[in-house]
PDB file of N, CA and C in Angstrom:
ATOM      1  N   UNK A   1      34.565   9.967 -12.956  1.00  0.00           N
ATOM      2  CA  UNK A   1      35.406   9.211 -13.828  1.00  0.00           C
ATOM      3  C   UNK A   1      34.728   9.160 -15.194  1.00  0.00           C
ATOM      4  N   UNK A   2      35.527   9.237 -16.230  1.00  0.00           N
ATOM      5  CA  UNK A   2      35.013   9.217 -17.603  1.00  0.00           C
ATOM      6  C   UNK A   2      35.522   7.959 -18.289  1.00  0.00           C
ATOM      7  N   UNK A   3      34.627   7.303 -19.018  1.00  0.00           N
ATOM      8  CA  UNK A   3      35.003   6.072 -19.707  1.00  0.00           C
ATOM      9  C   UNK A   3      34.916   6.248 -21.216  1.00  0.00           C
ATOM     10  N   UNK A   4      35.588   5.362 -21.913  1.00  0.00           N
ATOM     11  CA  UNK A   4      35.485   5.296 -23.372  1.00  0.00           C
ATOM     12  C   UNK A   4      35.501   3.830 -23.777  1.00  0.00           C
ATOM     13  N   UNK A   5      34.979   3.559 -24.947  1.00  0.00           N
ATOM     14  CA  UNK A   5      34.932   2.184 -25.435  1.00  0.00           C
ATOM     15  C   UNK A   5      36.219   1.884 -26.192  1.00  0.00           C
ATOM     16  N   UNK A   6      36.843   0.769 -25.822  1.00  0.00           N
ATOM     17  CA  UNK A   6      38.051   0.278 -26.484  1.00  0.00           C
ATOM     18  C   UNK A   6      37.731  -1.131 -26.956  1.00  0.00           C
ATOM     19  N   UNK A   7      37.448  -1.269 -28.249  1.00  0.00           N
ATOM     20  CA  UNK A   7      36.919  -2.519 -28.797  1.00  0.00           C
ATOM     21  C   UNK A   7      35.617  -2.844 -28.070  1.00  0.00           C
ATOM     22  N   UNK A   8      35.551  -3.936 -27.342  1.00  0.00           N
ATOM     23  CA  UNK A   8      34.316  -4.291 -26.634  1.00  0.00           C
ATOM     24  C   UNK A   8      34.403  -4.034 -25.134  1.00  0.00           C
ATOM     25  N   UNK A   9      35.353  -3.233 -24.724  1.00  0.00           N
ATOM     26  CA  UNK A   9      35.571  -2.997 -23.300  1.00  0.00           C
ATOM     27  C   UNK A   9      35.451  -1.517 -22.974  1.00  0.00           C
ATOM     28  N   UNK A  10      34.741  -1.211 -21.898  1.00  0.00           N
ATOM     29  CA  UNK A  10      34.703   0.158 -21.390  1.00  0.00           C
ATOM     30  C   UNK A  10      35.931   0.354 -20.508  1.00  0.00           C
ATOM     31  N   UNK A  11      36.692   1.395 -20.778  1.00  0.00           N
ATOM     32  CA  UNK A  11      37.914   1.672 -20.028  1.00  0.00           C
ATOM     33  C   UNK A  11      37.872   3.075 -19.441  1.00  0.00           C
ATOM     34  N   UNK A  12      38.644   3.268 -18.386  1.00  0.00           N
ATOM     35  CA  UNK A  12      38.757   4.587 -17.776  1.00  0.00           C
ATOM     36  C   UNK A  12      39.562   5.483 -18.711  1.00  0.00           C
ATOM     37  N   UNK A  13      38.967   6.598 -19.097  1.00  0.00           N
ATOM     38  CA  UNK A  13      39.641   7.562 -19.968  1.00  0.00           C
ATOM     39  C   UNK A  13      40.220   8.721 -19.160  1.00  0.00           C
ATOM     40  N   UNK A  14      39.539   9.103 -18.100  1.00  0.00           N
ATOM     41  CA  UNK A  14      39.996  10.204 -17.245  1.00  0.00           C
ATOM     42  C   UNK A  14      39.429   9.980 -15.858  1.00  0.00           C
ATOM     43  N   UNK A  15      40.177  10.427 -14.865  1.00  0.00           N
ATOM     44  CA  UNK A  15      39.702  10.268 -13.500  1.00  0.00           C
ATOM     45  C   UNK A  15      40.133  11.439 -12.645  1.00  0.00           C
ATOM     46  N   UNK A  16      39.428  11.609 -11.551  1.00  0.00           N
ATOM     47  CA  UNK A  16      39.727  12.714 -10.648  1.00  0.00           C
ATOM     48  C   UNK A  16      40.610  12.233  -9.499  1.00  0.00           C
ATOM     49  N   UNK A  17      40.907  13.148  -8.596  1.00  0.00           N
ATOM     50  CA  UNK A  17      41.798  12.828  -7.478  1.00  0.00           C
ATOM     51  C   UNK A  17      41.224  11.739  -6.576  1.00  0.00           C
ATOM     52  N   UNK A  18      39.906  11.755  -6.390  1.00  0.00           N
ATOM     53  CA  UNK A  18      39.295  10.719  -5.541  1.00  0.00           C
ATOM     54  C   UNK A  18      39.494   9.337  -6.150  1.00  0.00           C
ATOM     55  N   UNK A  19      39.309   9.237  -7.466  1.00  0.00           N
ATOM     56  CA  UNK A  19      39.494   7.945  -8.132  1.00  0.00           C
ATOM     57  C   UNK A  19      40.959   7.518  -8.085  1.00  0.00           C
ATOM     58  N   UNK A  20      41.865   8.464  -8.234  1.00  0.00           N
ATOM     59  CA  UNK A  20      43.287   8.132  -8.122  1.00  0.00           C
ATOM     60  C   UNK A  20      43.619   7.637  -6.716  1.00  0.00           C
ATOM     61  N   UNK A  21      43.002   8.253  -5.710  1.00  0.00           N
ATOM     62  CA  UNK A  21      43.229   7.829  -4.327  1.00  0.00           C
ATOM     63  C   UNK A  21      42.740   6.401  -4.091  1.00  0.00           C
ATOM     64  N   UNK A  22      41.775   5.964  -4.895  1.00  0.00           N
ATOM     65  CA  UNK A  22      41.268   4.590  -4.804  1.00  0.00           C
ATOM     66  C   UNK A  22      42.146   3.611  -5.584  1.00  0.00           C
ATOM     67  N   UNK A  23      43.250   4.119  -6.131  1.00  0.00           N
ATOM     68  CA  UNK A  23      44.217   3.317  -6.898  1.00  0.00           C
ATOM     69  C   UNK A  23      43.679   2.887  -8.261  1.00  0.00           C
ATOM     70  N   UNK A  24      42.700   3.628  -8.777  1.00  0.00           N
ATOM     71  CA  UNK A  24      42.219   3.370 -10.126  1.00  0.00           C
ATOM     72  C   UNK A  24      43.165   4.064 -11.097  1.00  0.00           C
ATOM     73  N   UNK A  25      43.298   3.501 -12.279  1.00  0.00           N
ATOM     74  CA  UNK A  25      44.257   4.011 -13.257  1.00  0.00           C
ATOM     75  C   UNK A  25      43.589   4.211 -14.607  1.00  0.00           C
ATOM     76  N   UNK A  26      44.092   5.178 -15.335  1.00  0.00           N
ATOM     77  CA  UNK A  26      43.636   5.403 -16.703  1.00  0.00           C
ATOM     78  C   UNK A  26      43.933   4.155 -17.529  1.00  0.00           C
ATOM     79  N   UNK A  27      42.959   3.725 -18.324  1.00  0.00           N
ATOM     80  CA  UNK A  27      43.112   2.530 -19.146  1.00  0.00           C
ATOM     81  C   UNK A  27      42.565   1.270 -18.498  1.00  0.00           C
ATOM     82  N   UNK A  28      42.313   1.328 -17.198  1.00  0.00           N
ATOM     83  CA  UNK A  28      41.758   0.176 -16.485  1.00  0.00           C
ATOM     84  C   UNK A  28      40.336  -0.082 -16.971  1.00  0.00           C
ATOM     85  N   UNK A  29      39.959  -1.333 -17.051  1.00  0.00           N
ATOM     86  CA  UNK A  29      38.599  -1.680 -17.438  1.00  0.00           C
ATOM     87  C   UNK A  29      37.605  -1.253 -16.368  1.00  0.00           C
ATOM     88  N   UNK A  30      36.447  -0.781 -16.799  1.00  0.00           N
ATOM     89  CA  UNK A  30      35.414  -0.344 -15.858  1.00  0.00           C
ATOM     90  C   UNK A  30      34.949  -1.517 -15.003  1.00  0.00           C
ATOM     91  N   UNK A  31      34.858  -2.709 -15.582  1.00  0.00           N
ATOM     92  CA  UNK A  31      34.444  -3.884 -14.807  1.00  0.00           C
ATOM     93  C   UNK A  31      35.433  -4.145 -13.668  1.00  0.00           C
ATOM     94  N   UNK A  32      36.721  -4.022 -13.946  1.00  0.00           N
ATOM     95  CA  UNK A  32      37.731  -4.215 -12.899  1.00  0.00           C
ATOM     96  C   UNK A  32      37.624  -3.126 -11.835  1.00  0.00           C
ATOM     97  N   UNK A  33      37.422  -1.898 -12.280  1.00  0.00           N
ATOM     98  CA  UNK A  33      37.301  -0.783 -11.339  1.00  0.00           C
ATOM     99  C   UNK A  33      36.083  -0.968 -10.438  1.00  0.00           C
ATOM    100  N   UNK A  34      34.975  -1.404 -11.026  1.00  0.00           N
ATOM    101  CA  UNK A  34      33.757  -1.617 -10.229  1.00  0.00           C
ATOM    102  C   UNK A  34      33.895  -2.828  -9.307  1.00  0.00           C
ATOM    103  N   UNK A  35      34.690  -3.808  -9.698  1.00  0.00           N
ATOM    104  CA  UNK A  35      34.932  -4.949  -8.814  1.00  0.00           C
ATOM    105  C   UNK A  35      35.665  -4.489  -7.555  1.00  0.00           C
ATOM    106  N   UNK A  36      36.550  -3.509  -7.729  1.00  0.00           N
ATOM    107  CA  UNK A  36      37.294  -2.971  -6.589  1.00  0.00           C
ATOM    108  C   UNK A  36      36.451  -1.998  -5.769  1.00  0.00           C
ATOM    109  N   UNK A  37      35.643  -1.195  -6.471  1.00  0.00           N
ATOM    110  CA  UNK A  37      34.857  -0.133  -5.829  1.00  0.00           C
ATOM    111  C   UNK A  37      33.492  -0.051  -6.510  1.00  0.00           C
ATOM    112  N   UNK A  38      32.529  -0.843  -6.057  1.00  0.00           N
ATOM    113  CA  UNK A  38      31.226  -0.926  -6.730  1.00  0.00           C
ATOM    114  C   UNK A  38      30.457   0.390  -6.825  1.00  0.00           C
ATOM    115  N   UNK A  39      30.729   1.338  -5.962  1.00  0.00           N
ATOM    116  CA  UNK A  39      29.915   2.557  -5.939  1.00  0.00           C
ATOM    117  C   UNK A  39      30.483   3.700  -6.789  1.00  0.00           C
ATOM    118  N   UNK A  40      31.507   3.438  -7.583  1.00  0.00           N
ATOM    119  CA  UNK A  40      32.084   4.528  -8.379  1.00  0.00           C
ATOM    120  C   UNK A  40      31.090   5.033  -9.421  1.00  0.00           C
ATOM    121  N   UNK A  41      31.178   6.318  -9.704  1.00  0.00           N
ATOM    122  CA  UNK A  41      30.349   6.938 -10.739  1.00  0.00           C
ATOM    123  C   UNK A  41      31.149   6.994 -12.032  1.00  0.00           C
ATOM    124  N   UNK A  42      30.518   6.571 -13.115  1.00  0.00           N
ATOM    125  CA  UNK A  42      31.176   6.553 -14.420  1.00  0.00           C
ATOM    126  C   UNK A  42      30.288   7.273 -15.421  1.00  0.00           C
ATOM    127  N   UNK A  43      30.900   8.146 -16.203  1.00  0.00           N
ATOM    128  CA  UNK A  43      30.200   8.888 -17.251  1.00  0.00           C
ATOM    129  C   UNK A  43      30.873   8.564 -18.577  1.00  0.00           C
ATOM    130  N   UNK A  44      30.073   8.313 -19.591  1.00  0.00           N
ATOM    131  CA  UNK A  44      30.602   8.020 -20.929  1.00  0.00           C
ATOM    132  C   UNK A  44      31.234   9.280 -21.523  1.00  0.00           C
ATOM    133  N   UNK A  45      32.385   9.130 -22.118  1.00  0.00           N
ATOM    134  CA  UNK A  45      33.062  10.254 -22.772  1.00  0.00           C
ATOM    135  C   UNK A  45      32.188  10.811 -23.897  1.00  0.00           C
ATOM    136  N   UNK A  46      32.281  12.109 -24.105  1.00  0.00           N
ATOM    137  CA  UNK A  46      31.537  12.786 -25.167  1.00  0.00           C
ATOM    138  C   UNK A  46      32.519  13.693 -25.910  1.00  0.00           C
ATOM    139  N   UNK A  47      33.272  13.128 -26.865  1.00  0.00           N
ATOM    140  CA  UNK A  47      34.308  13.905 -27.549  1.00  0.00           C
ATOM    141  C   UNK A  47      33.790  15.176 -28.220  1.00  0.00           C
ATOM    142  N   UNK A  48      32.584  15.137 -28.753  1.00  0.00           N
ATOM    143  CA  UNK A  48      32.034  16.333 -29.407  1.00  0.00           C
ATOM    144  C   UNK A  48      31.790  17.440 -28.386  1.00  0.00           C
ATOM    145  N   UNK A  49      31.258  17.088 -27.229  1.00  0.00           N
ATOM    146  CA  UNK A  49      31.052  18.083 -26.167  1.00  0.00           C
ATOM    147  C   UNK A  49      32.393  18.616 -25.668  1.00  0.00           C
ATOM    148  N   UNK A  50      33.377  17.732 -25.567  1.00  0.00           N
ATOM    149  CA  UNK A  50      34.714  18.166 -25.150  1.00  0.00           C
ATOM    150  C   UNK A  50      35.284  19.168 -26.151  1.00  0.00           C
ATOM    151  N   UNK A  51      35.081  18.894 -27.424  1.00  0.00           N
ATOM    152  CA  UNK A  51      35.582  19.785 -28.476  1.00  0.00           C
ATOM    153  C   UNK A  51      34.893  21.153 -28.401  1.00  0.00           C
ATOM    154  N   UNK A  52      33.581  21.146 -28.195  1.00  0.00           N
ATOM    155  CA  UNK A  52      32.851  22.417 -28.070  1.00  0.00           C
ATOM    156  C   UNK A  52      33.339  23.212 -26.860  1.00  0.00           C
ATOM    157  N   UNK A  53      33.576  22.518 -25.759  1.00  0.00           N
ATOM    158  CA  UNK A  53      34.086  23.185 -24.563  1.00  0.00           C
ATOM    159  C   UNK A  53      35.464  23.782 -24.828  1.00  0.00           C
ATOM    160  N   UNK A  54      36.330  23.027 -25.477  1.00  0.00           N
ATOM    161  CA  UNK A  54      37.673  23.518 -25.785  1.00  0.00           C
ATOM    162  C   UNK A  54      37.613  24.732 -26.709  1.00  0.00           C
ATOM    163  N   UNK A  55      36.719  24.698 -27.687  1.00  0.00           N
ATOM    164  CA  UNK A  55      36.557  25.848 -28.576  1.00  0.00           C
ATOM    165  C   UNK A  55      36.052  27.063 -27.800  1.00  0.00           C
ATOM    166  N   UNK A  56      35.145  26.836 -26.855  1.00  0.00           N
ATOM    167  CA  UNK A  56      34.658  27.926 -26.016  1.00  0.00           C
ATOM    168  C   UNK A  56      35.758  28.510 -25.143  1.00  0.00           C
ATOM    169  N   UNK A  57      36.588  27.637 -24.585  1.00  0.00           N
ATOM    170  CA  UNK A  57      37.722  28.117 -23.789  1.00  0.00           C
ATOM    171  C   UNK A  57      38.701  28.913 -24.650  1.00  0.00           C
ATOM    172  N   UNK A  58      38.911  28.450 -25.872  1.00  0.00           N
ATOM    173  CA  UNK A  58      39.800  29.179 -26.785  1.00  0.00           C
ATOM    174  C   UNK A  58      39.244  30.572 -27.056  1.00  0.00           C
ATOM    175  N   UNK A  59      37.948  30.668 -27.293  1.00  0.00           N
ATOM    176  CA  UNK A  59      37.326  31.981 -27.501  1.00  0.00           C
ATOM    177  C   UNK A  59      37.477  32.854 -26.260  1.00  0.00           C
ATOM    178  N   UNK A  60      37.293  32.266 -25.091  1.00  0.00           N
ATOM    179  CA  UNK A  60      37.416  32.995 -23.831  1.00  0.00           C
ATOM    180  C   UNK A  60      38.835  33.532 -23.652  1.00  0.00           C
ATOM    181  N   UNK A  61      39.823  32.774 -24.118  1.00  0.00           N
ATOM    182  CA  UNK A  61      41.226  33.177 -23.964  1.00  0.00           C
ATOM    183  C   UNK A  61      41.617  34.339 -24.870  1.00  0.00           C
ATOM    184  N   UNK A  62      40.754  34.703 -25.807  1.00  0.00           N
ATOM    185  CA  UNK A  62      41.031  35.867 -26.662  1.00  0.00           C
ATOM    186  C   UNK A  62      41.212  37.139 -25.846  1.00  0.00           C
ATOM    187  N   UNK A  63      40.721  37.165 -24.626  1.00  0.00           N
ATOM    188  CA  UNK A  63      40.892  38.342 -23.775  1.00  0.00           C
ATOM    189  C   UNK A  63      42.358  38.520 -23.371  1.00  0.00           C
ATOM    190  N   UNK A  64      43.159  37.471 -23.526  1.00  0.00           N
ATOM    191  CA  UNK A  64      44.561  37.534 -23.121  1.00  0.00           C
ATOM    192  C   UNK A  64      45.523  37.685 -24.293  1.00  0.00           C
ATOM    193  N   UNK A  65      45.149  37.173 -25.435  1.00  0.00           N
ATOM    194  CA  UNK A  65      45.990  37.257 -26.627  1.00  0.00           C
ATOM    195  C   UNK A  65      45.143  36.950 -27.859  1.00  0.00           C
ATOM    196  N   UNK A  66      45.448  37.585 -28.976  1.00  0.00           N
ATOM    197  CA  UNK A  66      44.708  37.248 -30.199  1.00  0.00           C
ATOM    198  C   UNK A  66      45.199  35.947 -30.839  1.00  0.00           C
ATOM    199  N   UNK A  67      46.288  35.400 -30.320  1.00  0.00           N
ATOM    200  CA  UNK A  67      46.878  34.198 -30.907  1.00  0.00           C
ATOM    201  C   UNK A  67      46.618  32.982 -30.018  1.00  0.00           C
ATOM    202  N   UNK A  68      45.446  32.401 -30.193  1.00  0.00           N
ATOM    203  CA  UNK A  68      45.033  31.222 -29.434  1.00  0.00           C
ATOM    204  C   UNK A  68      44.773  30.099 -30.426  1.00  0.00           C
ATOM    205  N   UNK A  69      45.302  28.924 -30.117  1.00  0.00           N
ATOM    206  CA  UNK A  69      45.090  27.772 -30.995  1.00  0.00           C
ATOM    207  C   UNK A  69      44.761  26.545 -30.159  1.00  0.00           C
ATOM    208  N   UNK A  70      43.919  25.699 -30.703  1.00  0.00           N
ATOM    209  CA  UNK A  70      43.637  24.415 -30.068  1.00  0.00           C
ATOM    210  C   UNK A  70      44.811  23.495 -30.366  1.00  0.00           C
ATOM    211  N   UNK A  71      45.294  22.830 -29.325  1.00  0.00           N
ATOM    212  CA  UNK A  71      46.462  21.963 -29.426  1.00  0.00           C
ATOM    213  C   UNK A  71      46.040  20.529 -29.121  1.00  0.00           C
ATOM    214  N   UNK A  72      45.846  19.753 -30.160  1.00  0.00           N
ATOM    215  CA  UNK A  72      45.419  18.370 -29.973  1.00  0.00           C
ATOM    216  C   UNK A  72      43.968  18.290 -29.535  1.00  0.00           C
ATOM    217  N   UNK A  73      43.642  17.217 -28.835  1.00  0.00           N
ATOM    218  CA  UNK A  73      42.265  16.996 -28.396  1.00  0.00           C
ATOM    219  C   UNK A  73      41.951  17.658 -27.067  1.00  0.00           C
ATOM    220  N   UNK A  74      42.993  18.069 -26.340  1.00  0.00           N
ATOM    221  CA  UNK A  74      42.717  18.541 -24.984  1.00  0.00           C
ATOM    222  C   UNK A  74      43.605  19.693 -24.535  1.00  0.00           C
ATOM    223  N   UNK A  75      44.118  20.459 -25.472  1.00  0.00           N
ATOM    224  CA  UNK A  75      45.012  21.531 -25.066  1.00  0.00           C
ATOM    225  C   UNK A  75      44.782  22.821 -25.822  1.00  0.00           C
ATOM    226  N   UNK A  76      45.278  23.880 -25.227  1.00  0.00           N
ATOM    227  CA  UNK A  76      45.258  25.194 -25.864  1.00  0.00           C
ATOM    228  C   UNK A  76      46.676  25.735 -25.892  1.00  0.00           C
ATOM    229  N   UNK A  77      46.980  26.470 -26.920  1.00  0.00           N
ATOM    230  CA  UNK A  77      48.256  27.160 -27.023  1.00  0.00           C
ATOM    231  C   UNK A  77      47.957  28.645 -27.115  1.00  0.00           C
ATOM    232  N   UNK A  78      48.527  29.410 -26.205  1.00  0.00           N
ATOM    233  CA  UNK A  78      48.367  30.862 -26.210  1.00  0.00           C
ATOM    234  C   UNK A  78      49.733  31.485 -26.437  1.00  0.00           C
ATOM    235  N   UNK A  79      49.883  32.232 -27.516  1.00  0.00           N
ATOM    236  CA  UNK A  79      51.113  32.985 -27.741  1.00  0.00           C
ATOM    237  C   UNK A  79      50.888  34.358 -27.122  1.00  0.00           C
ATOM    238  N   UNK A  80      51.482  34.568 -25.962  1.00  0.00           N
ATOM    239  CA  UNK A  80      51.259  35.807 -25.214  1.00  0.00           C
ATOM    240  C   UNK A  80      52.380  36.824 -25.433  1.00  0.00           C
ATOM    241  N   UNK A  81      53.207  36.575 -26.439  1.00  0.00           N
ATOM    242  CA  UNK A  81      54.285  37.511 -26.747  1.00  0.00           C
ATOM    243  C   UNK A  81      53.709  38.911 -26.960  1.00  0.00           C
ATOM    244  N   UNK A  82      54.213  39.864 -26.214  1.00  0.00           N
ATOM    245  CA  UNK A  82      53.769  41.244 -26.349  1.00  0.00           C
ATOM    246  C   UNK A  82      52.471  41.563 -25.631  1.00  0.00           C
ATOM    247  N   UNK A  83      51.907  40.596 -24.913  1.00  0.00           N
ATOM    248  CA  UNK A  83      50.626  40.818 -24.235  1.00  0.00           C
ATOM    249  C   UNK A  83      50.742  40.852 -22.714  1.00  0.00           C
ATOM    250  N   UNK A  84      51.764  40.231 -22.177  1.00  0.00           N
ATOM    251  CA  UNK A  84      51.829  40.063 -20.724  1.00  0.00           C
ATOM    252  C   UNK A  84      51.912  41.388 -19.979  1.00  0.00           C
ATOM    253  N   UNK A  85      52.537  42.384 -20.586  1.00  0.00           N
ATOM    254  CA  UNK A  85      52.661  43.677 -19.890  1.00  0.00           C
ATOM    255  C   UNK A  85      51.295  44.316 -19.632  1.00  0.00           C
ATOM    256  N   UNK A  86      50.304  43.957 -20.431  1.00  0.00           N
ATOM    257  CA  UNK A  86      48.960  44.501 -20.250  1.00  0.00           C
ATOM    258  C   UNK A  86      48.307  44.001 -18.958  1.00  0.00           C
ATOM    259  N   UNK A  87      48.866  42.933 -18.411  1.00  0.00           N
ATOM    260  CA  UNK A  87      48.328  42.339 -17.187  1.00  0.00           C
ATOM    261  C   UNK A  87      49.297  42.464 -16.018  1.00  0.00           C
ATOM    262  N   UNK A  88      50.387  43.198 -16.224  1.00  0.00           N
ATOM    263  CA  UNK A  88      51.360  43.380 -15.153  1.00  0.00           C
ATOM    264  C   UNK A  88      52.458  42.334 -15.136  1.00  0.00           C
ATOM    265  N   UNK A  89      52.648  41.628 -16.245  1.00  0.00           N
ATOM    266  CA  UNK A  89      53.692  40.612 -16.341  1.00  0.00           C
ATOM    267  C   UNK A  89      53.119  39.208 -16.429  1.00  0.00           C
ATOM    268  N   UNK A  90      54.018  38.254 -16.675  1.00  0.00           N
ATOM    269  CA  UNK A  90      53.585  36.865 -16.867  1.00  0.00           C
ATOM    270  C   UNK A  90      52.901  36.292 -15.634  1.00  0.00           C
ATOM    271  N   UNK A  91      53.497  36.504 -14.462  1.00  0.00           N
ATOM    272  CA  UNK A  91      52.926  35.945 -13.231  1.00  0.00           C
ATOM    273  C   UNK A  91      51.541  36.540 -12.963  1.00  0.00           C
ATOM    274  N   UNK A  92      51.413  37.844 -13.145  1.00  0.00           N
ATOM    275  CA  UNK A  92      50.117  38.492 -12.921  1.00  0.00           C
ATOM    276  C   UNK A  92      49.083  37.991 -13.931  1.00  0.00           C
ATOM    277  N   UNK A  93      49.516  37.766 -15.164  1.00  0.00           N
ATOM    278  CA  UNK A  93      48.603  37.242 -16.180  1.00  0.00           C
ATOM    279  C   UNK A  93      48.153  35.832 -15.798  1.00  0.00           C
ATOM    280  N   UNK A  94      49.087  35.021 -15.366  1.00  0.00           N
ATOM    281  CA  UNK A  94      48.749  33.665 -14.935  1.00  0.00           C
ATOM    282  C   UNK A  94      47.762  33.703 -13.771  1.00  0.00           C
ATOM    283  N   UNK A  95      48.024  34.553 -12.802  1.00  0.00           N
ATOM    284  CA  UNK A  95      47.117  34.674 -11.657  1.00  0.00           C
ATOM    285  C   UNK A  95      45.724  35.106 -12.101  1.00  0.00           C
ATOM    286  N   UNK A  96      45.670  36.035 -13.043  1.00  0.00           N
ATOM    287  CA  UNK A  96      44.388  36.508 -13.582  1.00  0.00           C
ATOM    288  C   UNK A  96      43.622  35.357 -14.232  1.00  0.00           C
ATOM    289  N   UNK A  97      44.306  34.567 -15.041  1.00  0.00           N
ATOM    290  CA  UNK A  97      43.659  33.438 -15.722  1.00  0.00           C
ATOM    291  C   UNK A  97      43.151  32.424 -14.703  1.00  0.00           C
ATOM    292  N   UNK A  98      43.985  32.084 -13.739  1.00  0.00           N
ATOM    293  CA  UNK A  98      43.586  31.089 -12.741  1.00  0.00           C
ATOM    294  C   UNK A  98      42.446  31.589 -11.861  1.00  0.00           C
ATOM    295  N   UNK A  99      42.430  32.877 -11.571  1.00  0.00           N
ATOM    296  CA  UNK A  99      41.348  33.447 -10.765  1.00  0.00           C
ATOM    297  C   UNK A  99      40.028  33.403 -11.523  1.00  0.00           C
ATOM    298  N   UNK A 100      40.063  33.760 -12.793  1.00  0.00           N
ATOM    299  CA  UNK A 100      38.835  33.769 -13.595  1.00  0.00           C
ATOM    300  C   UNK A 100      38.365  32.365 -13.947  1.00  0.00           C
ATOM    301  N   UNK A 101      39.294  31.462 -14.103  1.00  0.00           N
ATOM    302  CA  UNK A 101      38.957  30.106 -14.511  1.00  0.00           C
ATOM    303  C   UNK A 101      38.414  29.352 -13.327  1.00  0.00           C
TER     304      UNK A 101
END
């Protein structure tokens, strides 16, 4: 689970499937989450590291299309127009990306 500071409160910023199964929610205070489940692991968000990772993923995606853009804080946009045939079509390209990722 990843936390971020919201004023003077640490809140859940992102969580995995295990945390969701525990009924924890994004935006919930870490103190409340720990009251429910004292043994949860919490890591402080690192926006700069996230940005570097996203930039690295964007560079990695150049193998699929020359038109890759970062979309917001957590997304990538790939314009694959004219590129999918090089991978055997859209579905094959998607499978290739998911296999490598």
